[in-house]
Amino acid sequence: MYEITDYTKNKAKQLGLIVYPSDNPKYKLEVYDEKTGLFKCYLGASGYKDFEIYLKEKGIDFAENRRRLYFARHQKDISKIGSRGWLSWCLLWAG
């Protein structure tokens, strides 16, 4: 099971969201609206690492390079505020 980092918890709070480890094995996180408690989406493919994992395992230079590559691949999705791509960027990659 994915261990949610303090960064992700704090960023979710800033965005008015609550995150939990996913009950869907394909994803890392379940995201809920903090005010309504309604489910928003699943985020983060469980078979892939994210910025915080790379930072812990490989160091800052490697993690920043992976973040740059992630941004290049997902730039179109990241630009849509409130989308799953944008939320993934904010919660898992913006570091």
N, C-alpha and C. Protein backbone atom coordinates (compact mmCIF):
# COMPACT_ATOMS: atom_id res chain seq x y z
N MET A 1 0.84 -1.19 0.00
CA MET A 1 0.00 0.00 0.00
C MET A 1 0.88 1.25 0.00
N TYR A 2 0.46 2.24 -0.74
CA TYR A 2 1.20 3.49 -0.87
C TYR A 2 1.15 4.28 0.44
N GLU A 3 2.29 4.77 0.87
CA GLU A 3 2.36 5.61 2.07
C GLU A 3 2.30 7.07 1.64
N ILE A 4 1.26 7.76 2.05
CA ILE A 4 1.06 9.16 1.67
C ILE A 4 2.06 10.03 2.42
N THR A 5 2.77 10.88 1.69
CA THR A 5 3.79 11.74 2.30
C THR A 5 3.15 12.95 2.96
N ASP A 6 3.89 13.56 3.87
CA ASP A 6 3.42 14.79 4.52
C ASP A 6 3.19 15.88 3.49
N TYR A 7 4.07 15.95 2.47
CA TYR A 7 3.90 16.96 1.43
C TYR A 7 2.53 16.81 0.77
N THR A 8 2.17 15.59 0.40
CA THR A 8 0.90 15.35 -0.27
C THR A 8 -0.27 15.68 0.64
N LYS A 9 -0.20 15.30 1.90
CA LYS A 9 -1.27 15.61 2.85
C LYS A 9 -1.45 17.12 3.00
N ASN A 10 -0.33 17.83 3.16
CA ASN A 10 -0.39 19.28 3.35
C ASN A 10 -0.89 20.00 2.11
N LYS A 11 -0.42 19.57 0.95
CA LYS A 11 -0.87 20.19 -0.30
C LYS A 11 -2.35 19.94 -0.53
N ALA A 12 -2.82 18.74 -0.23
CA ALA A 12 -4.24 18.43 -0.36
C ALA A 12 -5.06 19.35 0.53
N LYS A 13 -4.61 19.55 1.76
CA LYS A 13 -5.31 20.44 2.70
C LYS A 13 -5.40 21.86 2.14
N GLN A 14 -4.30 22.35 1.57
CA GLN A 14 -4.28 23.68 0.96
C GLN A 14 -5.30 23.80 -0.18
N LEU A 15 -5.52 22.71 -0.88
CA LEU A 15 -6.44 22.69 -2.02
C LEU A 15 -7.88 22.35 -1.62
N GLY A 16 -8.12 22.16 -0.31
CA GLY A 16 -9.45 21.81 0.16
C GLY A 16 -9.82 20.37 -0.12
N LEU A 17 -8.83 19.51 -0.08
CA LEU A 17 -9.03 18.10 -0.39
C LEU A 17 -8.55 17.23 0.77
N ILE A 18 -9.01 15.99 0.77
CA ILE A 18 -8.53 14.97 1.69
C ILE A 18 -8.07 13.79 0.84
N VAL A 19 -6.92 13.22 1.20
CA VAL A 19 -6.41 12.07 0.45
C VAL A 19 -6.27 10.86 1.37
N TYR A 20 -6.55 9.70 0.79
CA TYR A 20 -6.41 8.42 1.48
C TYR A 20 -5.70 7.45 0.54
N PRO A 21 -5.07 6.43 1.10
CA PRO A 21 -4.54 5.37 0.23
C PRO A 21 -5.71 4.76 -0.55
N SER A 22 -5.48 4.46 -1.79
CA SER A 22 -6.55 3.97 -2.66
C SER A 22 -6.99 2.55 -2.31
N ASP A 23 -8.29 2.33 -2.41
CA ASP A 23 -8.80 0.96 -2.29
C ASP A 23 -8.80 0.26 -3.65
N ASN A 24 -8.49 1.00 -4.69
CA ASN A 24 -8.36 0.46 -6.05
C ASN A 24 -6.88 0.14 -6.28
N PRO A 25 -6.52 -1.10 -6.50
CA PRO A 25 -5.10 -1.47 -6.63
C PRO A 25 -4.37 -0.82 -7.80
N LYS A 26 -5.09 -0.21 -8.72
CA LYS A 26 -4.44 0.45 -9.87
C LYS A 26 -3.89 1.84 -9.51
N TYR A 27 -4.33 2.39 -8.37
CA TYR A 27 -3.97 3.77 -8.03
C TYR A 27 -3.38 3.89 -6.63
N LYS A 28 -2.67 5.01 -6.41
CA LYS A 28 -2.06 5.29 -5.12
C LYS A 28 -3.03 5.98 -4.16
N LEU A 29 -3.78 6.95 -4.68
CA LEU A 29 -4.59 7.82 -3.84
C LEU A 29 -6.06 7.85 -4.22
N GLU A 30 -6.89 8.09 -3.21
CA GLU A 30 -8.29 8.47 -3.40
C GLU A 30 -8.37 9.93 -2.94
N VAL A 31 -9.04 10.74 -3.72
CA VAL A 31 -9.14 12.17 -3.40
C VAL A 31 -10.61 12.52 -3.15
N TYR A 32 -10.85 13.23 -2.03
CA TYR A 32 -12.19 13.65 -1.65
C TYR A 32 -12.21 15.16 -1.43
N ASP A 33 -13.36 15.76 -1.68
CA ASP A 33 -13.57 17.17 -1.38
C ASP A 33 -13.69 17.31 0.14
N GLU A 34 -12.92 18.22 0.72
CA GLU A 34 -12.90 18.37 2.17
C GLU A 34 -14.24 18.87 2.72
N LYS A 35 -14.90 19.77 2.01
CA LYS A 35 -16.17 20.36 2.50
C LYS A 35 -17.34 19.40 2.39
N THR A 36 -17.46 18.73 1.25
CA THR A 36 -18.63 17.88 1.01
C THR A 36 -18.38 16.42 1.35
N GLY A 37 -17.12 16.03 1.38
CA GLY A 37 -16.78 14.63 1.62
C GLY A 37 -16.99 13.74 0.40
N LEU A 38 -17.34 14.37 -0.72
CA LEU A 38 -17.59 13.60 -1.94
C LEU A 38 -16.30 13.16 -2.62
N PHE A 39 -16.32 11.95 -3.13
CA PHE A 39 -15.19 11.40 -3.88
C PHE A 39 -14.97 12.21 -5.15
N LYS A 40 -13.71 12.59 -5.42
CA LYS A 40 -13.38 13.31 -6.65
C LYS A 40 -12.77 12.38 -7.69
N CYS A 41 -11.71 11.65 -7.29
CA CYS A 41 -11.03 10.80 -8.27
C CYS A 41 -9.98 9.93 -7.59
N TYR A 42 -9.47 9.00 -8.38
CA TYR A 42 -8.27 8.24 -8.03
C TYR A 42 -7.10 8.91 -8.73
N LEU A 43 -5.91 8.86 -8.10
CA LEU A 43 -4.71 9.45 -8.69
C LEU A 43 -3.51 8.55 -8.53
N GLY A 44 -2.57 8.71 -9.43
CA GLY A 44 -1.27 8.07 -9.32
C GLY A 44 -1.30 6.58 -9.59
N ALA A 45 -0.81 6.19 -10.73
CA ALA A 45 -0.75 4.76 -11.05
C ALA A 45 0.15 4.05 -10.04
N SER A 46 -0.33 2.97 -9.50
CA SER A 46 0.39 2.29 -8.41
C SER A 46 1.72 1.68 -8.84
N GLY A 47 1.90 1.40 -10.10
CA GLY A 47 3.15 0.79 -10.56
C GLY A 47 4.27 1.77 -10.84
N TYR A 48 4.02 3.05 -10.61
CA TYR A 48 5.02 4.07 -10.94
C TYR A 48 5.39 4.87 -9.70
N LYS A 49 6.58 5.42 -9.73
CA LYS A 49 7.06 6.24 -8.63
C LYS A 49 6.66 7.69 -8.88
N ASP A 50 6.77 8.51 -7.84
CA ASP A 50 6.49 9.94 -7.96
C ASP A 50 7.66 10.73 -7.38
N PHE A 51 7.55 12.04 -7.38
CA PHE A 51 8.67 12.90 -6.99
C PHE A 51 9.21 12.56 -5.60
N GLU A 52 8.33 12.44 -4.62
CA GLU A 52 8.79 12.18 -3.25
C GLU A 52 9.50 10.83 -3.13
N ILE A 53 9.04 9.83 -3.85
CA ILE A 53 9.70 8.52 -3.82
C ILE A 53 11.08 8.62 -4.46
N TYR A 54 11.15 9.27 -5.62
CA TYR A 54 12.46 9.45 -6.27
C TYR A 54 13.40 10.26 -5.39
N LEU A 55 12.89 11.29 -4.75
CA LEU A 55 13.71 12.12 -3.87
C LEU A 55 14.32 11.28 -2.75
N LYS A 56 13.51 10.45 -2.14
CA LYS A 56 13.97 9.62 -1.03
C LYS A 56 14.96 8.55 -1.51
N GLU A 57 14.68 7.93 -2.66
CA GLU A 57 15.49 6.81 -3.12
C GLU A 57 16.73 7.20 -3.91
N LYS A 58 16.62 8.27 -4.72
CA LYS A 58 17.69 8.59 -5.67
C LYS A 58 18.32 9.97 -5.50
N GLY A 59 17.73 10.82 -4.69
CA GLY A 59 18.29 12.14 -4.47
C GLY A 59 17.64 13.22 -5.32
N ILE A 60 17.97 14.46 -5.00
CA ILE A 60 17.32 15.62 -5.59
C ILE A 60 17.56 15.75 -7.09
N ASP A 61 18.76 15.52 -7.57
CA ASP A 61 19.03 15.69 -9.00
C ASP A 61 18.21 14.71 -9.84
N PHE A 62 18.19 13.46 -9.43
CA PHE A 62 17.43 12.45 -10.15
C PHE A 62 15.93 12.76 -10.09
N ALA A 63 15.45 13.12 -8.91
CA ALA A 63 14.03 13.42 -8.72
C ALA A 63 13.59 14.62 -9.58
N GLU A 64 14.41 15.65 -9.62
CA GLU A 64 14.07 16.82 -10.43
C GLU A 64 14.06 16.49 -11.92
N ASN A 65 14.96 15.64 -12.35
CA ASN A 65 14.96 15.22 -13.74
C ASN A 65 13.70 14.43 -14.08
N ARG A 66 13.30 13.52 -13.20
CA ARG A 66 12.08 12.76 -13.41
C ARG A 66 10.85 13.67 -13.42
N ARG A 67 10.87 14.70 -12.57
CA ARG A 67 9.76 15.67 -12.54
C ARG A 67 9.69 16.42 -13.87
N ARG A 68 10.84 16.82 -14.38
CA ARG A 68 10.90 17.53 -15.66
C ARG A 68 10.33 16.66 -16.78
N LEU A 69 10.71 15.38 -16.79
CA LEU A 69 10.21 14.46 -17.81
C LEU A 69 8.71 14.22 -17.66
N TYR A 70 8.24 14.10 -16.42
CA TYR A 70 6.81 13.92 -16.17
C TYR A 70 6.04 15.14 -16.71
N PHE A 71 6.54 16.33 -16.40
CA PHE A 71 5.88 17.55 -16.86
C PHE A 71 5.82 17.60 -18.38
N ALA A 72 6.90 17.24 -19.04
CA ALA A 72 6.94 17.25 -20.50
C ALA A 72 5.91 16.28 -21.09
N ARG A 73 5.75 15.11 -20.48
CA ARG A 73 4.79 14.12 -20.98
C ARG A 73 3.34 14.51 -20.72
N HIS A 74 3.09 15.20 -19.62
CA HIS A 74 1.72 15.45 -19.17
C HIS A 74 1.32 16.93 -19.19
N GLN A 75 2.09 17.75 -19.86
CA GLN A 75 1.86 19.20 -19.83
C GLN A 75 0.42 19.57 -20.22
N LYS A 76 -0.12 18.90 -21.22
CA LYS A 76 -1.47 19.22 -21.68
C LYS A 76 -2.50 18.98 -20.56
N ASP A 77 -2.37 17.86 -19.84
CA ASP A 77 -3.29 17.55 -18.75
C ASP A 77 -3.09 18.45 -17.54
N ILE A 78 -1.85 18.79 -17.26
CA ILE A 78 -1.52 19.61 -16.10
C ILE A 78 -2.09 21.01 -16.23
N SER A 79 -2.22 21.50 -17.44
CA SER A 79 -2.69 22.87 -17.65
C SER A 79 -4.18 23.06 -17.38
N LYS A 80 -4.94 21.98 -17.22
CA LYS A 80 -6.38 22.07 -16.96
C LYS A 80 -6.62 22.04 -15.45
N ILE A 81 -6.76 23.21 -14.85
CA ILE A 81 -6.92 23.32 -13.41
C ILE A 81 -8.13 22.51 -12.94
N GLY A 82 -7.88 21.70 -11.91
CA GLY A 82 -8.92 20.86 -11.35
C GLY A 82 -9.01 19.47 -11.97
N SER A 83 -8.32 19.24 -13.07
CA SER A 83 -8.35 17.94 -13.73
C SER A 83 -7.51 16.93 -12.94
N ARG A 84 -7.66 15.66 -13.28
CA ARG A 84 -6.85 14.63 -12.64
C ARG A 84 -5.36 14.87 -12.88
N GLY A 85 -5.02 15.32 -14.09
CA GLY A 85 -3.63 15.61 -14.39
C GLY A 85 -3.08 16.73 -13.54
N TRP A 86 -3.87 17.76 -13.37
CA TRP A 86 -3.46 18.91 -12.53
C TRP A 86 -3.31 18.48 -11.08
N LEU A 87 -4.28 17.68 -10.59
CA LEU A 87 -4.20 17.21 -9.21
C LEU A 87 -2.99 16.29 -9.00
N SER A 88 -2.72 15.43 -9.96
CA SER A 88 -1.53 14.58 -9.86
C SER A 88 -0.27 15.42 -9.77
N TRP A 89 -0.19 16.44 -10.60
CA TRP A 89 0.97 17.32 -10.58
C TRP A 89 1.10 17.98 -9.21
N CYS A 90 0.00 18.54 -8.71
CA CYS A 90 0.03 19.26 -7.44
C CYS A 90 0.36 18.34 -6.25
N LEU A 91 -0.24 17.16 -6.24
CA LEU A 91 -0.12 16.29 -5.08
C LEU A 91 1.06 15.33 -5.12
N LEU A 92 1.52 14.97 -6.31
CA LEU A 92 2.56 13.95 -6.42
C LEU A 92 3.87 14.43 -7.04
N TRP A 93 3.84 15.55 -7.78
CA TRP A 93 5.02 15.92 -8.54
C TRP A 93 5.57 17.32 -8.28
N ALA A 94 4.78 18.24 -7.81
CA ALA A 94 5.25 19.63 -7.70
C ALA A 94 6.34 19.78 -6.65
N GLY A 95 6.36 18.89 -5.67
CA GLY A 95 7.39 18.85 -4.64
C GLY A 95 7.81 20.18 -4.17
